[in-house]
Structure formats: structure tokens, C-alpha cells
Amino acid sequence: VRERLRTELSGVLVDEYQDTDPAQVELLHSLAGDG
């Protein structure tokens, strides 16, 4: 699932990042982490 989404998404932009909670940050790291 992770590699399928990473292949489909070339970039991720996030607005109002200060309003994220720990779960959303972990989700974002799985989706667009690793540089």
C-alpha cells in the first residue's frame, strides 16, 4: 500500500502544519518521509 501511494504521488504539500496531531504526523511520514 505504501509503495503504491508513493508511486502515484510525486509530491505532498501541507497547509497549517501547526495544527497536526501525532497520529497525522506519523501518517504523513509513512506517506512522504525518507527525503
ModelCIF file with pLDDT and N, C-alpha, C, O atoms, coordinates in Angstrom:
data_MODEL
#
_entry.id   MODEL 
#
_entity.id                         1 
_entity.type                       polymer 
_entity.pdbx_number_of_molecules   1 
#
_entity_poly.entity_id                      1 
_entity_poly.type                           'polypeptide(L)' 
_entity_poly.nstd_linkage                   no 
_entity_poly.nstd_monomer                   no 
_entity_poly.pdbx_seq_one_letter_code       VRERLRTELSGVLVDEYQDTDPAQVELLHSLAGDG 
_entity_poly.pdbx_seq_one_letter_code_can   VRERLRTELSGVLVDEYQDTDPAQVELLHSLAGDG 
_entity_poly.pdbx_strand_id                 A 
#
loop_
_entity_poly_seq.entity_id 
_entity_poly_seq.num 
_entity_poly_seq.mon_id 
_entity_poly_seq.hetero 
1 1  VAL n 
1 2  ARG n 
1 3  GLU n 
1 4  ARG n 
1 5  LEU n 
1 6  ARG n 
1 7  THR n 
1 8  GLU n 
1 9  LEU n 
1 10 SER n 
1 11 GLY n 
1 12 VAL n 
1 13 LEU n 
1 14 VAL n 
1 15 ASP n 
1 16 GLU n 
1 17 TYR n 
1 18 GLN n 
1 19 ASP n 
1 20 THR n 
1 21 ASP n 
1 22 PRO n 
1 23 ALA n 
1 24 GLN n 
1 25 VAL n 
1 26 GLU n 
1 27 LEU n 
1 28 LEU n 
1 29 HIS n 
1 30 SER n 
1 31 LEU n 
1 32 ALA n 
1 33 GLY n 
1 34 ASP n 
1 35 GLY n 
#
_struct_asym.id          A 
_struct_asym.entity_id   1 
#
loop_
_ma_qa_metric.id 
_ma_qa_metric.mode 
_ma_qa_metric.name 
_ma_qa_metric.software_group_id 
_ma_qa_metric.type 
1 global pLDDT . pLDDT 
2 local  pLDDT . pLDDT 
#
_ma_qa_metric_global.metric_id      1 
_ma_qa_metric_global.metric_value   91.46 
_ma_qa_metric_global.model_id       1 
_ma_qa_metric_global.ordinal_id     1 
#
loop_
_ma_qa_metric_local.label_asym_id 
_ma_qa_metric_local.label_comp_id 
_ma_qa_metric_local.label_seq_id 
_ma_qa_metric_local.metric_id 
_ma_qa_metric_local.metric_value 
_ma_qa_metric_local.model_id 
_ma_qa_metric_local.ordinal_id 
A VAL 1  2 93.00 1 1  
A ARG 2  2 93.00 1 2  
A GLU 3  2 93.00 1 3  
A ARG 4  2 92.00 1 4  
A LEU 5  2 92.00 1 5  
A ARG 6  2 91.00 1 6  
A THR 7  2 89.00 1 7  
A GLU 8  2 89.00 1 8  
A LEU 9  2 89.00 1 9  
A SER 10 2 87.00 1 10 
A GLY 11 2 90.00 1 11 
A VAL 12 2 94.00 1 12 
A LEU 13 2 95.00 1 13 
A VAL 14 2 95.00 1 14 
A ASP 15 2 94.00 1 15 
A GLU 16 2 91.00 1 16 
A TYR 17 2 92.00 1 17 
A GLN 18 2 90.00 1 18 
A ASP 19 2 89.00 1 19 
A THR 20 2 90.00 1 20 
A ASP 21 2 88.00 1 21 
A PRO 22 2 89.00 1 22 
A ALA 23 2 90.00 1 23 
A GLN 24 2 92.00 1 24 
A VAL 25 2 93.00 1 25 
A GLU 26 2 92.00 1 26 
A LEU 27 2 93.00 1 27 
A LEU 28 2 94.00 1 28 
A HIS 29 2 94.00 1 29 
A SER 30 2 93.00 1 30 
A LEU 31 2 92.00 1 31 
A ALA 32 2 92.00 1 32 
A GLY 33 2 90.00 1 33 
A ASP 34 2 90.00 1 34 
A GLY 35 2 91.00 1 35 
#
loop_
_atom_site.group_PDB 
_atom_site.id 
_atom_site.type_symbol 
_atom_site.label_atom_id 
_atom_site.label_alt_id 
_atom_site.label_comp_id 
_atom_site.label_asym_id 
_atom_site.label_entity_id 
_atom_site.label_seq_id 
_atom_site.pdbx_PDB_ins_code 
_atom_site.Cartn_x 
_atom_site.Cartn_y 
_atom_site.Cartn_z 
_atom_site.occupancy 
_atom_site.B_iso_or_equiv 
_atom_site.pdbx_formal_charge 
_atom_site.auth_seq_id 
_atom_site.auth_comp_id 
_atom_site.auth_asym_id 
_atom_site.auth_atom_id 
_atom_site.pdbx_PDB_model_num 
ATOM 1   N N  . VAL A 1 1  ? 0.835  -1.200 0.000  1.00 93.00 ? 1  VAL A N  1 
ATOM 2   C CA . VAL A 1 1  ? 0.000  0.000  0.000  1.00 93.00 ? 1  VAL A CA 1 
ATOM 3   C C  . VAL A 1 1  ? 0.870  1.250  0.000  1.00 93.00 ? 1  VAL A C  1 
ATOM 4   O O  . VAL A 1 1  ? 0.613  2.198  -0.742 1.00 93.00 ? 1  VAL A O  1 
ATOM 5   N N  . ARG A 1 2  ? 1.897  1.242  0.836  1.00 93.00 ? 2  ARG A N  1 
ATOM 6   C CA . ARG A 1 2  ? 2.756  2.426  0.940  1.00 93.00 ? 2  ARG A CA 1 
ATOM 7   C C  . ARG A 1 2  ? 3.459  2.717  -0.378 1.00 93.00 ? 2  ARG A C  1 
ATOM 8   O O  . ARG A 1 2  ? 3.476  3.865  -0.824 1.00 93.00 ? 2  ARG A O  1 
ATOM 9   N N  . GLU A 1 3  ? 4.034  1.714  -1.003 1.00 93.00 ? 3  GLU A N  1 
ATOM 10  C CA . GLU A 1 3  ? 4.751  1.943  -2.253 1.00 93.00 ? 3  GLU A CA 1 
ATOM 11  C C  . GLU A 1 3  ? 3.795  2.298  -3.388 1.00 93.00 ? 3  GLU A C  1 
ATOM 12  O O  . GLU A 1 3  ? 4.157  3.054  -4.289 1.00 93.00 ? 3  GLU A O  1 
ATOM 13  N N  . ARG A 1 4  ? 2.588  1.761  -3.350 1.00 92.00 ? 4  ARG A N  1 
ATOM 14  C CA . ARG A 1 4  ? 1.603  2.094  -4.372 1.00 92.00 ? 4  ARG A CA 1 
ATOM 15  C C  . ARG A 1 4  ? 1.273  3.591  -4.315 1.00 92.00 ? 4  ARG A C  1 
ATOM 16  O O  . ARG A 1 4  ? 1.220  4.259  -5.348 1.00 92.00 ? 4  ARG A O  1 
ATOM 17  N N  . LEU A 1 5  ? 1.053  4.107  -3.109 1.00 92.00 ? 5  LEU A N  1 
ATOM 18  C CA . LEU A 1 5  ? 0.726  5.524  -2.964 1.00 92.00 ? 5  LEU A CA 1 
ATOM 19  C C  . LEU A 1 5  ? 1.928  6.399  -3.277 1.00 92.00 ? 5  LEU A C  1 
ATOM 20  O O  . LEU A 1 5  ? 1.787  7.447  -3.908 1.00 92.00 ? 5  LEU A O  1 
ATOM 21  N N  . ARG A 1 6  ? 3.099  5.984  -2.845 1.00 91.00 ? 6  ARG A N  1 
ATOM 22  C CA . ARG A 1 6  ? 4.305  6.789  -3.121 1.00 91.00 ? 6  ARG A CA 1 
ATOM 23  C C  . ARG A 1 6  ? 4.594  6.859  -4.613 1.00 91.00 ? 6  ARG A C  1 
ATOM 24  O O  . ARG A 1 6  ? 5.138  7.851  -5.096 1.00 91.00 ? 6  ARG A O  1 
ATOM 25  N N  . THR A 1 7  ? 4.233  5.815  -5.340 1.00 89.00 ? 7  THR A N  1 
ATOM 26  C CA . THR A 1 7  ? 4.429  5.838  -6.792 1.00 89.00 ? 7  THR A CA 1 
ATOM 27  C C  . THR A 1 7  ? 3.443  6.794  -7.449 1.00 89.00 ? 7  THR A C  1 
ATOM 28  O O  . THR A 1 7  ? 3.781  7.478  -8.414 1.00 89.00 ? 7  THR A O  1 
ATOM 29  N N  . GLU A 1 8  ? 2.231  6.838  -6.925 1.00 89.00 ? 8  GLU A N  1 
ATOM 30  C CA . GLU A 1 8  ? 1.204  7.691  -7.516 1.00 89.00 ? 8  GLU A CA 1 
ATOM 31  C C  . GLU A 1 8  ? 1.410  9.168  -7.189 1.00 89.00 ? 8  GLU A C  1 
ATOM 32  O O  . GLU A 1 8  ? 1.023  10.037 -7.971 1.00 89.00 ? 8  GLU A O  1 
ATOM 33  N N  . LEU A 1 9  ? 2.018  9.456  -6.039 1.00 89.00 ? 9  LEU A N  1 
ATOM 34  C CA . LEU A 1 9  ? 2.178  10.836 -5.591 1.00 89.00 ? 9  LEU A CA 1 
ATOM 35  C C  . LEU A 1 9  ? 3.607  11.299 -5.823 1.00 89.00 ? 9  LEU A C  1 
ATOM 36  O O  . LEU A 1 9  ? 4.553  10.717 -5.292 1.00 89.00 ? 9  LEU A O  1 
ATOM 37  N N  . SER A 1 10 ? 3.754  12.350 -6.621 1.00 87.00 ? 10 SER A N  1 
ATOM 38  C CA . SER A 1 10 ? 5.093  12.894 -6.862 1.00 87.00 ? 10 SER A CA 1 
ATOM 39  C C  . SER A 1 10 ? 5.473  13.931 -5.819 1.00 87.00 ? 10 SER A C  1 
ATOM 40  O O  . SER A 1 10 ? 6.655  14.231 -5.652 1.00 87.00 ? 10 SER A O  1 
ATOM 41  N N  . GLY A 1 11 ? 4.496  14.481 -5.117 1.00 90.00 ? 11 GLY A N  1 
ATOM 42  C CA . GLY A 1 11 ? 4.790  15.479 -4.105 1.00 90.00 ? 11 GLY A CA 1 
ATOM 43  C C  . GLY A 1 11 ? 3.598  15.684 -3.190 1.00 90.00 ? 11 GLY A C  1 
ATOM 44  O O  . GLY A 1 11 ? 2.456  15.446 -3.582 1.00 90.00 ? 11 GLY A O  1 
ATOM 45  N N  . VAL A 1 12 ? 3.868  16.128 -1.964 1.00 94.00 ? 12 VAL A N  1 
ATOM 46  C CA . VAL A 1 12 ? 2.819  16.392 -0.976 1.00 94.00 ? 12 VAL A CA 1 
ATOM 47  C C  . VAL A 1 12 ? 3.049  17.777 -0.391 1.00 94.00 ? 12 VAL A C  1 
ATOM 48  O O  . VAL A 1 12 ? 4.160  18.101 0.030  1.00 94.00 ? 12 VAL A O  1 
ATOM 49  N N  . LEU A 1 13 ? 2.006  18.591 -0.366 1.00 95.00 ? 13 LEU A N  1 
ATOM 50  C CA . LEU A 1 13 ? 2.038  19.919 0.242  1.00 95.00 ? 13 LEU A CA 1 
ATOM 51  C C  . LEU A 1 13 ? 1.027  19.946 1.373  1.00 95.00 ? 13 LEU A C  1 
ATOM 52  O O  . LEU A 1 13 ? -0.086 19.443 1.216  1.00 95.00 ? 13 LEU A O  1 
ATOM 53  N N  . VAL A 1 14 ? 1.391  20.526 2.511  1.00 95.00 ? 14 VAL A N  1 
ATOM 54  C CA . VAL A 1 14 ? 0.524  20.549 3.687  1.00 95.00 ? 14 VAL A CA 1 
ATOM 55  C C  . VAL A 1 14 ? 0.343  21.982 4.153  1.00 95.00 ? 14 VAL A C  1 
ATOM 56  O O  . VAL A 1 14 ? 1.319  22.703 4.361  1.00 95.00 ? 14 VAL A O  1 
ATOM 57  N N  . ASP A 1 15 ? -0.900 22.389 4.316  1.00 94.00 ? 15 ASP A N  1 
ATOM 58  C CA . ASP A 1 15 ? -1.229 23.716 4.822  1.00 94.00 ? 15 ASP A CA 1 
ATOM 59  C C  . ASP A 1 15 ? -1.522 23.630 6.317  1.00 94.00 ? 15 ASP A C  1 
ATOM 60  O O  . ASP A 1 15 ? -2.043 22.621 6.791  1.00 94.00 ? 15 ASP A O  1 
ATOM 61  N N  . GLU A 1 16 ? -1.186 24.696 7.066  1.00 91.00 ? 16 GLU A N  1 
ATOM 62  C CA . GLU A 1 16 ? -1.462 24.778 8.508  1.00 91.00 ? 16 GLU A CA 1 
ATOM 63  C C  . GLU A 1 16 ? -0.880 23.579 9.255  1.00 91.00 ? 16 GLU A C  1 
ATOM 64  O O  . GLU A 1 16 ? -1.587 22.901 10.001 1.00 91.00 ? 16 GLU A O  1 
ATOM 65  N N  . TYR A 1 17 ? 0.393  23.326 9.052  1.00 92.00 ? 17 TYR A N  1 
ATOM 66  C CA . TYR A 1 17 ? 1.016  22.143 9.645  1.00 92.00 ? 17 TYR A CA 1 
ATOM 67  C C  . TYR A 1 17 ? 1.025  22.198 11.171 1.00 92.00 ? 17 TYR A C  1 
ATOM 68  O O  . TYR A 1 17 ? 1.084  21.153 11.819 1.00 92.00 ? 17 TYR A O  1 
ATOM 69  N N  . GLN A 1 18 ? 0.969  23.399 11.760 1.00 90.00 ? 18 GLN A N  1 
ATOM 70  C CA . GLN A 1 18 ? 0.997  23.505 13.217 1.00 90.00 ? 18 GLN A CA 1 
ATOM 71  C C  . GLN A 1 18 ? -0.243 22.895 13.862 1.00 90.00 ? 18 GLN A C  1 
ATOM 72  O O  . GLN A 1 18 ? -0.271 22.701 15.077 1.00 90.00 ? 18 GLN A O  1 
ATOM 73  N N  . ASP A 1 19 ? -1.263 22.591 13.072 1.00 89.00 ? 19 ASP A N  1 
ATOM 74  C CA . ASP A 1 19 ? -2.496 22.022 13.613 1.00 89.00 ? 19 ASP A CA 1 
ATOM 75  C C  . ASP A 1 19 ? -2.532 20.501 13.535 1.00 89.00 ? 19 ASP A C  1 
ATOM 76  O O  . ASP A 1 19 ? -3.581 19.903 13.772 1.00 89.00 ? 19 ASP A O  1 
ATOM 77  N N  . THR A 1 20 ? -1.415 19.863 13.209 1.00 90.00 ? 20 THR A N  1 
ATOM 78  C CA . THR A 1 20 ? -1.383 18.404 13.138 1.00 90.00 ? 20 THR A CA 1 
ATOM 79  C C  . THR A 1 20 ? -1.231 17.796 14.523 1.00 90.00 ? 20 THR A C  1 
ATOM 80  O O  . THR A 1 20 ? -0.669 18.416 15.426 1.00 90.00 ? 20 THR A O  1 
ATOM 81  N N  . ASP A 1 21 ? -1.733 16.588 14.683 1.00 88.00 ? 21 ASP A N  1 
ATOM 82  C CA . ASP A 1 21 ? -1.522 15.839 15.913 1.00 88.00 ? 21 ASP A CA 1 
ATOM 83  C C  . ASP A 1 21 ? -0.514 14.721 15.640 1.00 88.00 ? 21 ASP A C  1 
ATOM 84  O O  . ASP A 1 21 ? -0.165 14.490 14.483 1.00 88.00 ? 21 ASP A O  1 
ATOM 85  N N  . PRO A 1 22 ? -0.035 14.018 16.679 1.00 89.00 ? 22 PRO A N  1 
ATOM 86  C CA . PRO A 1 22 ? 0.994  12.982 16.459 1.00 89.00 ? 22 PRO A CA 1 
ATOM 87  C C  . PRO A 1 22 ? 0.585  11.908 15.458 1.00 89.00 ? 22 PRO A C  1 
ATOM 88  O O  . PRO A 1 22 ? 1.422  11.440 14.685 1.00 89.00 ? 22 PRO A O  1 
ATOM 89  N N  . ALA A 1 23 ? -0.686 11.508 15.456 1.00 90.00 ? 23 ALA A N  1 
ATOM 90  C CA . ALA A 1 23 ? -1.121 10.466 14.529 1.00 90.00 ? 23 ALA A CA 1 
ATOM 91  C C  . ALA A 1 23 ? -1.033 10.942 13.084 1.00 90.00 ? 23 ALA A C  1 
ATOM 92  O O  . ALA A 1 23 ? -0.622 10.184 12.205 1.00 90.00 ? 23 ALA A O  1 
ATOM 93  N N  . GLN A 1 24 ? -1.411 12.176 12.834 1.00 92.00 ? 24 GLN A N  1 
ATOM 94  C CA . GLN A 1 24 ? -1.349 12.709 11.479 1.00 92.00 ? 24 GLN A CA 1 
ATOM 95  C C  . GLN A 1 24 ? 0.100  12.869 11.011 1.00 92.00 ? 24 GLN A C  1 
ATOM 96  O O  . GLN A 1 24 ? 0.401  12.670 9.834  1.00 92.00 ? 24 GLN A O  1 
ATOM 97  N N  . VAL A 1 25 ? 0.991  13.229 11.934 1.00 93.00 ? 25 VAL A N  1 
ATOM 98  C CA . VAL A 1 25 ? 2.406  13.343 11.568 1.00 93.00 ? 25 VAL A CA 1 
ATOM 99  C C  . VAL A 1 25 ? 2.966  11.977 11.189 1.00 93.00 ? 25 VAL A C  1 
ATOM 100 O O  . VAL A 1 25 ? 3.710  11.860 10.216 1.00 93.00 ? 25 VAL A O  1 
ATOM 101 N N  . GLU A 1 26 ? 2.610  10.938 11.955 1.00 92.00 ? 26 GLU A N  1 
ATOM 102 C CA . GLU A 1 26 ? 3.076  9.594  11.618 1.00 92.00 ? 26 GLU A CA 1 
ATOM 103 C C  . GLU A 1 26 ? 2.521  9.138  10.266 1.00 92.00 ? 26 GLU A C  1 
ATOM 104 O O  . GLU A 1 26 ? 3.220  8.496  9.482  1.00 92.00 ? 26 GLU A O  1 
ATOM 105 N N  . LEU A 1 27 ? 1.258  9.478  10.007 1.00 93.00 ? 27 LEU A N  1 
ATOM 106 C CA . LEU A 1 27 ? 0.661  9.159  8.709  1.00 93.00 ? 27 LEU A CA 1 
ATOM 107 C C  . LEU A 1 27 ? 1.431  9.846  7.585  1.00 93.00 ? 27 LEU A C  1 
ATOM 108 O O  . LEU A 1 27 ? 1.727  9.237  6.558  1.00 93.00 ? 27 LEU A O  1 
ATOM 109 N N  . LEU A 1 28 ? 1.750  11.122 7.795  1.00 94.00 ? 28 LEU A N  1 
ATOM 110 C CA . LEU A 1 28 ? 2.464  11.883 6.782  1.00 94.00 ? 28 LEU A CA 1 
ATOM 111 C C  . LEU A 1 28 ? 3.863  11.328 6.565  1.00 94.00 ? 28 LEU A C  1 
ATOM 112 O O  . LEU A 1 28 ? 4.359  11.319 5.438  1.00 94.00 ? 28 LEU A O  1 
ATOM 113 N N  . HIS A 1 29 ? 4.502  10.866 7.633  1.00 94.00 ? 29 HIS A N  1 
ATOM 114 C CA . HIS A 1 29 ? 5.848  10.303 7.498  1.00 94.00 ? 29 HIS A CA 1 
ATOM 115 C C  . HIS A 1 29 ? 5.824  9.015  6.688  1.00 94.00 ? 29 HIS A C  1 
ATOM 116 O O  . HIS A 1 29 ? 6.718  8.773  5.877  1.00 94.00 ? 29 HIS A O  1 
ATOM 117 N N  . SER A 1 30 ? 4.806  8.188  6.902  1.00 93.00 ? 30 SER A N  1 
ATOM 118 C CA . SER A 1 30 ? 4.690  6.964  6.111  1.00 93.00 ? 30 SER A CA 1 
ATOM 119 C C  . SER A 1 30 ? 4.424  7.279  4.648  1.00 93.00 ? 30 SER A C  1 
ATOM 120 O O  . SER A 1 30 ? 4.864  6.557  3.754  1.00 93.00 ? 30 SER A O  1 
ATOM 121 N N  . LEU A 1 31 ? 3.700  8.363  4.416  1.00 92.00 ? 31 LEU A N  1 
ATOM 122 C CA . LEU A 1 31 ? 3.302  8.713  3.049  1.00 92.00 ? 31 LEU A CA 1 
ATOM 123 C C  . LEU A 1 31 ? 4.414  9.429  2.297  1.00 92.00 ? 31 LEU A C  1 
ATOM 124 O O  . LEU A 1 31 ? 4.639  9.153  1.118  1.00 92.00 ? 31 LEU A O  1 
ATOM 125 N N  . ALA A 1 32 ? 5.117  10.352 2.969  1.00 92.00 ? 32 ALA A N  1 
ATOM 126 C CA . ALA A 1 32 ? 6.070  11.208 2.256  1.00 92.00 ? 32 ALA A CA 1 
ATOM 127 C C  . ALA A 1 32 ? 7.385  11.384 3.005  1.00 92.00 ? 32 ALA A C  1 
ATOM 128 O O  . ALA A 1 32 ? 8.071  12.390 2.817  1.00 92.00 ? 32 ALA A O  1 
ATOM 129 N N  . GLY A 1 33 ? 7.745  10.431 3.843  1.00 90.00 ? 33 GLY A N  1 
ATOM 130 C CA . GLY A 1 33 ? 9.013  10.519 4.553  1.00 90.00 ? 33 GLY A CA 1 
ATOM 131 C C  . GLY A 1 33 ? 10.181 10.051 3.703  1.00 90.00 ? 33 GLY A C  1 
ATOM 132 O O  . GLY A 1 33 ? 10.059 9.927  2.485  1.00 90.00 ? 33 GLY A O  1 
ATOM 133 N N  . ASP A 1 34 ? 11.303 9.793  4.339  1.00 90.00 ? 34 ASP A N  1 
ATOM 134 C CA . ASP A 1 34 ? 12.505 9.283  3.664  1.00 90.00 ? 34 ASP A CA 1 
ATOM 135 C C  . ASP A 1 34 ? 13.035 10.240 2.612  1.00 90.00 ? 34 ASP A C  1 
ATOM 136 O O  . ASP A 1 34 ? 13.528 9.807  1.570  1.00 90.00 ? 34 ASP A O  1 
ATOM 137 N N  . GLY A 1 35 ? 12.938 11.547 2.879  1.00 91.00 ? 35 GLY A N  1 
ATOM 138 C CA . GLY A 1 35 ? 13.528 12.526 1.978  1.00 91.00 ? 35 GLY A CA 1 
ATOM 139 C C  . GLY A 1 35 ? 12.737 12.811 0.724  1.00 91.00 ? 35 GLY A C  1 
ATOM 140 O O  . GLY A 1 35 ? 13.156 13.626 -0.099 1.00 91.00 ? 35 GLY A O  1 
#
